Amino acid sequence: MGEQGSSSGSTATSSLSATMEDFTVLTPLKFLMSNLKSIVNVQLTSDNYAIWQLQIFKSFSANGFDGYLTGKTTCPTEQNVDYRLWKLIDQNLVSALISTISPSVLPYIIHLSTSSEIWTTLEIRLQPTNRSRVI
């Protein structure tokens, strides 16, 4: 029984490696990750949400990733073959978003795990019409 467990462990590892080797980072994702901070030249604060939101959305949309922000590109189940690619893209987008957010706003989103959750939370907290309702 011990041998069977170790052989299945090595099979899982080689399967994971083969799967990860099949991933190639999409050119639009590379572009967005490399250039977002220079394209979006302001860090998000509680006072500049409208301009930040416009710049981020246009950049994500131009590169085909707006569905990750809006939630239209939904996360497949973990059993789905597309899950790992979706997760790879989404986590890179999360990283890109975080790099454009000021330290004063980060506490609102630091506990969130997807780009859609971050986008929605920031909209609820910082959009001027929503802020006046909260106050």
Protein backbone atom coordinates (compact mmCIF):
# COMPACT_ATOMS: atom_id res chain seq x y z
CA MET A 1 0.00 0.00 0.00
CA GLY A 2 2.86 2.40 0.78
CA GLU A 3 4.27 1.89 -2.73
CA GLN A 4 0.94 2.59 -4.35
CA GLY A 5 0.63 5.91 -2.52
CA SER A 6 4.09 7.04 -3.54
CA SER A 7 3.61 6.11 -7.19
CA SER A 8 0.32 7.98 -7.35
CA GLY A 9 2.02 10.98 -5.72
CA SER A 10 4.71 11.05 -8.40
CA THR A 11 2.06 10.61 -11.10
CA ALA A 12 0.18 13.60 -9.73
CA THR A 13 3.38 15.64 -9.68
CA SER A 14 4.29 14.75 -13.27
CA SER A 15 0.71 15.41 -14.35
CA LEU A 16 0.81 18.83 -12.70
CA SER A 17 4.13 19.65 -14.37
CA ALA A 18 2.86 18.63 -17.79
CA THR A 19 -0.27 20.69 -17.31
CA MET A 20 1.67 23.77 -16.21
CA GLU A 21 4.05 23.42 -19.18
CA ASP A 22 1.04 23.63 -21.49
CA PHE A 23 0.26 27.13 -20.24
CA THR A 24 1.67 29.99 -22.18
CA VAL A 25 1.09 33.44 -20.83
CA LEU A 26 -1.10 35.28 -23.29
CA THR A 27 0.49 38.24 -25.05
CA PRO A 28 -2.28 40.66 -23.95
CA LEU A 29 -1.79 39.53 -20.34
CA LYS A 30 1.97 40.08 -20.60
CA PHE A 31 1.35 43.53 -22.07
CA LEU A 32 -1.14 44.48 -19.37
CA MET A 33 1.07 43.22 -16.55
CA SER A 34 4.14 45.00 -17.91
CA ASN A 35 2.52 48.32 -18.74
CA LEU A 36 -0.48 48.88 -16.48
CA LYS A 37 1.31 51.14 -14.00
CA SER A 38 2.53 53.39 -16.81
CA ILE A 39 -0.86 53.42 -18.57
CA VAL A 40 -2.79 54.10 -15.36
CA ASN A 41 -0.65 56.88 -13.98
CA VAL A 42 -2.65 57.44 -10.79
CA GLN A 43 -2.95 55.21 -7.75
CA LEU A 44 -6.49 54.69 -6.54
CA THR A 45 -7.41 56.80 -3.53
CA SER A 46 -10.79 57.55 -2.02
CA ASP A 47 -10.87 60.79 -4.06
CA ASN A 48 -10.08 59.63 -7.62
CA TYR A 49 -12.17 56.51 -8.15
CA ALA A 50 -13.92 57.72 -11.34
CA ILE A 51 -10.73 58.42 -13.31
CA TRP A 52 -8.97 55.31 -11.97
CA GLN A 53 -11.97 53.11 -12.78
CA LEU A 54 -12.18 54.48 -16.33
CA GLN A 55 -8.46 53.95 -16.99
CA ILE A 56 -8.42 50.44 -15.54
CA PHE A 57 -11.59 49.32 -17.30
CA LYS A 58 -10.47 50.66 -20.69
CA SER A 59 -7.06 48.97 -20.33
CA PHE A 60 -8.57 45.62 -19.29
CA SER A 61 -11.22 45.88 -22.02
CA ALA A 62 -8.70 46.73 -24.75
CA ASN A 63 -6.79 43.57 -23.86
CA GLY A 64 -9.84 41.31 -23.57
CA PHE A 65 -9.98 40.97 -19.78
CA ASP A 66 -12.98 43.15 -18.86
CA GLY A 67 -15.09 40.03 -18.23
CA TYR A 68 -12.81 39.15 -15.32
CA LEU A 69 -13.64 42.50 -13.70
CA THR A 70 -17.38 42.44 -14.37
CA GLY A 71 -17.84 38.78 -13.49
CA LYS A 72 -18.95 37.80 -17.00
CA THR A 73 -15.90 35.54 -17.30
CA THR A 74 -16.82 33.16 -14.51
CA CYS A 75 -14.54 30.78 -12.68
CA PRO A 76 -14.88 27.21 -13.94
CA THR A 77 -15.16 24.41 -11.40
CA GLU A 78 -11.85 22.99 -10.18
CA GLN A 79 -12.55 19.80 -12.13
CA ASN A 80 -12.84 21.75 -15.40
CA VAL A 81 -9.72 21.72 -17.59
CA ASP A 82 -9.98 25.51 -17.98
CA TYR A 83 -9.81 26.16 -14.22
CA ARG A 84 -6.03 26.50 -13.95
CA LEU A 85 -5.81 28.87 -16.91
CA TRP A 86 -8.66 30.98 -15.52
CA LYS A 87 -6.93 31.10 -12.13
CA LEU A 88 -3.57 32.01 -13.70
CA ILE A 89 -5.11 34.90 -15.61
CA ASP A 90 -7.29 36.11 -12.74
CA GLN A 91 -4.47 36.09 -10.17
CA ASN A 92 -2.23 38.06 -12.54
CA LEU A 93 -5.06 40.57 -12.99
CA VAL A 94 -5.47 40.77 -9.20
CA SER A 95 -1.77 41.52 -8.91
CA ALA A 96 -2.03 44.21 -11.59
CA LEU A 97 -5.02 45.81 -9.84
CA ILE A 98 -3.31 45.82 -6.45
CA SER A 99 -0.27 47.54 -7.95
CA THR A 100 -2.47 50.53 -8.85
CA ILE A 101 -4.18 50.91 -5.47
CA SER A 102 -2.88 53.23 -2.76
CA PRO A 103 -2.06 51.86 0.70
CA SER A 104 -5.02 53.75 2.18
CA VAL A 105 -7.49 51.78 0.01
CA LEU A 106 -5.82 48.35 0.23
CA PRO A 107 -7.53 47.37 3.52
CA TYR A 108 -10.89 47.35 1.67
CA ILE A 109 -9.76 44.60 -0.70
CA ILE A 110 -6.79 42.77 0.82
CA HIS A 111 -8.98 39.85 1.97
CA LEU A 112 -10.56 39.32 -1.46
CA SER A 113 -9.33 36.69 -3.89
CA THR A 114 -10.63 37.45 -7.40
CA SER A 115 -10.45 40.47 -9.66
CA SER A 116 -14.25 40.57 -9.86
CA GLU A 117 -14.59 40.66 -6.06
CA ILE A 118 -12.05 43.49 -5.89
CA TRP A 119 -13.74 45.43 -8.70
CA THR A 120 -17.22 45.11 -7.18
CA THR A 121 -16.05 45.99 -3.66
CA LEU A 122 -14.22 49.10 -4.85
CA GLU A 123 -17.28 50.17 -6.82
CA ILE A 124 -19.52 49.76 -3.78
CA ARG A 125 -17.14 51.55 -1.43
CA LEU A 126 -15.78 54.33 -3.62
CA GLN A 127 -18.28 55.23 -6.33
CA PRO A 128 -19.52 58.74 -5.42
CA THR A 129 -23.23 57.86 -5.57
CA ASN A 130 -22.67 54.89 -3.28
CA ARG A 131 -20.50 56.87 -0.86
CA SER A 132 -23.23 59.47 -0.32
CA ARG A 133 -25.72 56.71 0.50
CA VAL A 134 -23.34 55.19 3.05
CA ILE A 135 -22.80 58.53 4.78
